[in-house]
Amino acid sequence: MAIDSEAGQAAPLIVVETARSEEAITVEVAGDIDVSTSPRLRTELFDLLADGPRTAVIDMTGVGFCDSSGLSVLVQLNRHCQEAGIDLSFAPSKVVRRAIELTGLLPTLKMAAG
């Protein structure tokens, strides 16, 4: 768990839908993703994508920490979207991108352009 050195505690997880149209959704995720927050992340992301948009972008540029439980959620979401015909991509923070690279998931998880 990443610790906010000033406050001495983990950064809270925030999941917010920032844009939606009939065909696309953008979801912003910020804070720390670990074993205590990943179940909520999974529930919220799956709920937001339940109506099956054609495309989805998960903006994770505000994530300061992501452990293996968080990466597992991303893999599960990716699999769900492939099965549902949703074009999913991730906009990772440097920390999340590094975790994705180190675990060999870069070929599996599509990164958003930009």
C-alpha atoms as a PDB file:
ATOM      1  CA  MET A   1       0.000   0.000   0.000  1.00  0.00           C
ATOM      2  CA  ALA A   2       1.379   3.392  -0.920  1.00  0.00           C
ATOM      3  CA  ILE A   3       1.546   5.841   1.926  1.00  0.00           C
ATOM      4  CA  ASP A   4       0.915   9.562   1.609  1.00  0.00           C
ATOM      5  CA  SER A   5       3.983  10.801   3.462  1.00  0.00           C
ATOM      6  CA  GLU A   6       2.286  13.991   4.638  1.00  0.00           C
ATOM      7  CA  ALA A   7      -0.906  12.394   5.925  1.00  0.00           C
ATOM      8  CA  GLY A   8       0.691   9.034   6.801  1.00  0.00           C
ATOM      9  CA  GLN A   9      -2.041   7.016   5.125  1.00  0.00           C
ATOM     10  CA  ALA A  10      -2.991   5.484   1.794  1.00  0.00           C
ATOM     11  CA  ALA A  11      -4.585   7.695  -0.840  1.00  0.00           C
ATOM     12  CA  PRO A  12      -8.315   6.901  -1.098  1.00  0.00           C
ATOM     13  CA  LEU A  13      -9.591   5.168  -4.211  1.00  0.00           C
ATOM     14  CA  ILE A  14     -11.805   7.333  -6.419  1.00  0.00           C
ATOM     15  CA  VAL A  15     -13.697   5.989  -9.449  1.00  0.00           C
ATOM     16  CA  VAL A  16     -15.622   8.601 -11.451  1.00  0.00           C
ATOM     17  CA  GLU A  17     -17.373   8.487 -14.802  1.00  0.00           C
ATOM     18  CA  THR A  18     -16.041  11.593 -16.545  1.00  0.00           C
ATOM     19  CA  ALA A  19     -17.640  11.282 -19.985  1.00  0.00           C
ATOM     20  CA  ARG A  20     -20.391   9.183 -21.540  1.00  0.00           C
ATOM     21  CA  SER A  21     -22.140   9.057 -24.867  1.00  0.00           C
ATOM     22  CA  GLU A  22     -24.284   6.353 -26.425  1.00  0.00           C
ATOM     23  CA  GLU A  23     -21.173   4.631 -27.738  1.00  0.00           C
ATOM     24  CA  ALA A  24     -18.320   5.571 -25.393  1.00  0.00           C
ATOM     25  CA  ILE A  25     -17.428   5.993 -21.750  1.00  0.00           C
ATOM     26  CA  THR A  26     -14.392   7.411 -19.973  1.00  0.00           C
ATOM     27  CA  VAL A  27     -13.809   6.467 -16.350  1.00  0.00           C
ATOM     28  CA  GLU A  28     -11.215   8.175 -14.176  1.00  0.00           C
ATOM     29  CA  VAL A  29      -9.547   6.152 -11.426  1.00  0.00           C
ATOM     30  CA  ALA A  30      -7.350   7.843  -8.826  1.00  0.00           C
ATOM     31  CA  GLY A  31      -5.732   6.912  -5.534  1.00  0.00           C
ATOM     32  CA  ASP A  32      -4.217   3.615  -4.459  1.00  0.00           C
ATOM     33  CA  ILE A  33      -5.302   0.198  -5.709  1.00  0.00           C
ATOM     34  CA  ASP A  34      -4.450  -2.653  -3.384  1.00  0.00           C
ATOM     35  CA  VAL A  35      -6.018  -5.742  -1.833  1.00  0.00           C
ATOM     36  CA  SER A  36      -8.380  -3.595   0.246  1.00  0.00           C
ATOM     37  CA  THR A  37      -9.596  -1.369  -2.611  1.00  0.00           C
ATOM     38  CA  SER A  38      -9.484  -3.687  -5.640  1.00  0.00           C
ATOM     39  CA  PRO A  39     -12.854  -5.381  -4.909  1.00  0.00           C
ATOM     40  CA  ARG A  40     -14.554  -1.964  -4.961  1.00  0.00           C
ATOM     41  CA  LEU A  41     -12.668  -1.025  -8.125  1.00  0.00           C
ATOM     42  CA  ARG A  42     -13.875  -4.214  -9.821  1.00  0.00           C
ATOM     43  CA  THR A  43     -17.498  -3.656  -8.779  1.00  0.00           C
ATOM     44  CA  GLU A  44     -17.545  -0.016  -9.843  1.00  0.00           C
ATOM     45  CA  LEU A  45     -15.862  -0.586 -13.219  1.00  0.00           C
ATOM     46  CA  PHE A  46     -18.076  -3.553 -14.093  1.00  0.00           C
ATOM     47  CA  ASP A  47     -21.183  -1.574 -13.055  1.00  0.00           C
ATOM     48  CA  LEU A  48     -20.173   1.424 -15.183  1.00  0.00           C
ATOM     49  CA  LEU A  49     -19.643  -0.803 -18.232  1.00  0.00           C
ATOM     50  CA  ALA A  50     -22.787  -2.881 -17.678  1.00  0.00           C
ATOM     51  CA  ASP A  51     -24.769  -1.188 -20.453  1.00  0.00           C
ATOM     52  CA  GLY A  52     -22.135  -2.180 -23.006  1.00  0.00           C
ATOM     53  CA  PRO A  53     -20.658   0.927 -24.602  1.00  0.00           C
ATOM     54  CA  ARG A  54     -18.770   0.336 -27.850  1.00  0.00           C
ATOM     55  CA  THR A  55     -15.599   1.887 -26.455  1.00  0.00           C
ATOM     56  CA  ALA A  56     -14.266   2.489 -22.957  1.00  0.00           C
ATOM     57  CA  VAL A  57     -11.199   4.300 -21.677  1.00  0.00           C
ATOM     58  CA  ILE A  58     -10.040   3.805 -18.108  1.00  0.00           C
ATOM     59  CA  ASP A  59      -7.965   6.869 -17.196  1.00  0.00           C
ATOM     60  CA  MET A  60      -5.605   5.749 -14.454  1.00  0.00           C
ATOM     61  CA  THR A  61      -3.218   8.704 -14.613  1.00  0.00           C
ATOM     62  CA  GLY A  62      -4.164   9.592 -11.028  1.00  0.00           C
ATOM     63  CA  VAL A  63      -3.236   6.191  -9.580  1.00  0.00           C
ATOM     64  CA  GLY A  64      -0.202   6.331  -7.291  1.00  0.00           C
ATOM     65  CA  PHE A  65      -0.005   2.632  -6.413  1.00  0.00           C
ATOM     66  CA  CYS A  66      -1.321  -0.593  -7.951  1.00  0.00           C
ATOM     67  CA  ASP A  67      -0.561  -4.063  -6.635  1.00  0.00           C
ATOM     68  CA  SER A  68      -1.225  -7.459  -8.194  1.00  0.00           C
ATOM     69  CA  SER A  69      -4.861  -7.466  -7.042  1.00  0.00           C
ATOM     70  CA  GLY A  70      -5.410  -4.257  -9.012  1.00  0.00           C
ATOM     71  CA  LEU A  71      -3.731  -5.711 -12.088  1.00  0.00           C
ATOM     72  CA  SER A  72      -5.986  -8.744 -11.732  1.00  0.00           C
ATOM     73  CA  VAL A  73      -9.024  -6.458 -11.902  1.00  0.00           C
ATOM     74  CA  LEU A  74      -7.669  -4.902 -15.113  1.00  0.00           C
ATOM     75  CA  VAL A  75      -7.178  -8.352 -16.670  1.00  0.00           C
ATOM     76  CA  GLN A  76     -10.689  -9.440 -15.613  1.00  0.00           C
ATOM     77  CA  LEU A  77     -12.188  -6.245 -17.029  1.00  0.00           C
ATOM     78  CA  ASN A  78     -10.220  -6.687 -20.250  1.00  0.00           C
ATOM     79  CA  ARG A  79     -11.533 -10.244 -20.655  1.00  0.00           C
ATOM     80  CA  HIS A  80     -15.115  -9.130 -19.916  1.00  0.00           C
ATOM     81  CA  CYS A  81     -14.885  -6.341 -22.493  1.00  0.00           C
ATOM     82  CA  GLN A  82     -13.458  -8.653 -25.150  1.00  0.00           C
ATOM     83  CA  GLU A  83     -16.367 -11.042 -24.617  1.00  0.00           C
ATOM     84  CA  ALA A  84     -18.890  -8.164 -24.674  1.00  0.00           C
ATOM     85  CA  GLY A  85     -17.406  -6.552 -27.812  1.00  0.00           C
ATOM     86  CA  ILE A  86     -16.257  -3.413 -25.977  1.00  0.00           C
ATOM     87  CA  ASP A  87     -13.067  -1.758 -27.250  1.00  0.00           C
ATOM     88  CA  LEU A  88     -11.255  -1.151 -23.936  1.00  0.00           C
ATOM     89  CA  SER A  89      -8.080   0.835 -23.423  1.00  0.00           C
ATOM     90  CA  PHE A  90      -6.176   2.121 -20.411  1.00  0.00           C
ATOM     91  CA  ALA A  91      -4.418   5.449 -19.873  1.00  0.00           C
ATOM     92  CA  PRO A  92      -2.004   4.440 -17.082  1.00  0.00           C
ATOM     93  CA  SER A  93       0.036   6.520 -14.686  1.00  0.00           C
ATOM     94  CA  LYS A  94       3.780   5.868 -14.754  1.00  0.00           C
ATOM     95  CA  VAL A  95       3.376   3.576 -11.740  1.00  0.00           C
ATOM     96  CA  VAL A  96       0.587   1.537 -13.337  1.00  0.00           C
ATOM     97  CA  ARG A  97       2.385   1.320 -16.680  1.00  0.00           C
ATOM     98  CA  ARG A  98       5.540   0.087 -14.940  1.00  0.00           C
ATOM     99  CA  ALA A  99       3.539  -2.597 -13.086  1.00  0.00           C
ATOM    100  CA  ILE A 100       1.927  -3.663 -16.369  1.00  0.00           C
ATOM    101  CA  GLU A 101       5.325  -3.850 -18.067  1.00  0.00           C
ATOM    102  CA  LEU A 102       7.007  -5.749 -15.210  1.00  0.00           C
ATOM    103  CA  THR A 103       4.272  -8.389 -15.136  1.00  0.00           C
ATOM    104  CA  GLY A 104       4.303  -8.928 -18.902  1.00  0.00           C
ATOM    105  CA  LEU A 105       0.756  -7.635 -19.379  1.00  0.00           C
ATOM    106  CA  LEU A 106       1.639  -4.938 -21.913  1.00  0.00           C
ATOM    107  CA  PRO A 107       0.719  -7.160 -24.904  1.00  0.00           C
ATOM    108  CA  THR A 108      -2.607  -8.050 -23.217  1.00  0.00           C
ATOM    109  CA  LEU A 109      -3.843  -4.645 -22.052  1.00  0.00           C
ATOM    110  CA  LYS A 110      -4.371  -2.003 -24.731  1.00  0.00           C
ATOM    111  CA  MET A 111      -2.924   1.397 -23.912  1.00  0.00           C
ATOM    112  CA  ALA A 112      -4.870   4.512 -24.948  1.00  0.00           C
ATOM    113  CA  ALA A 113      -3.308   6.735 -27.565  1.00  0.00           C
ATOM    114  CA  GLY A 114      -1.918   9.974 -26.289  1.00  0.00           C
END
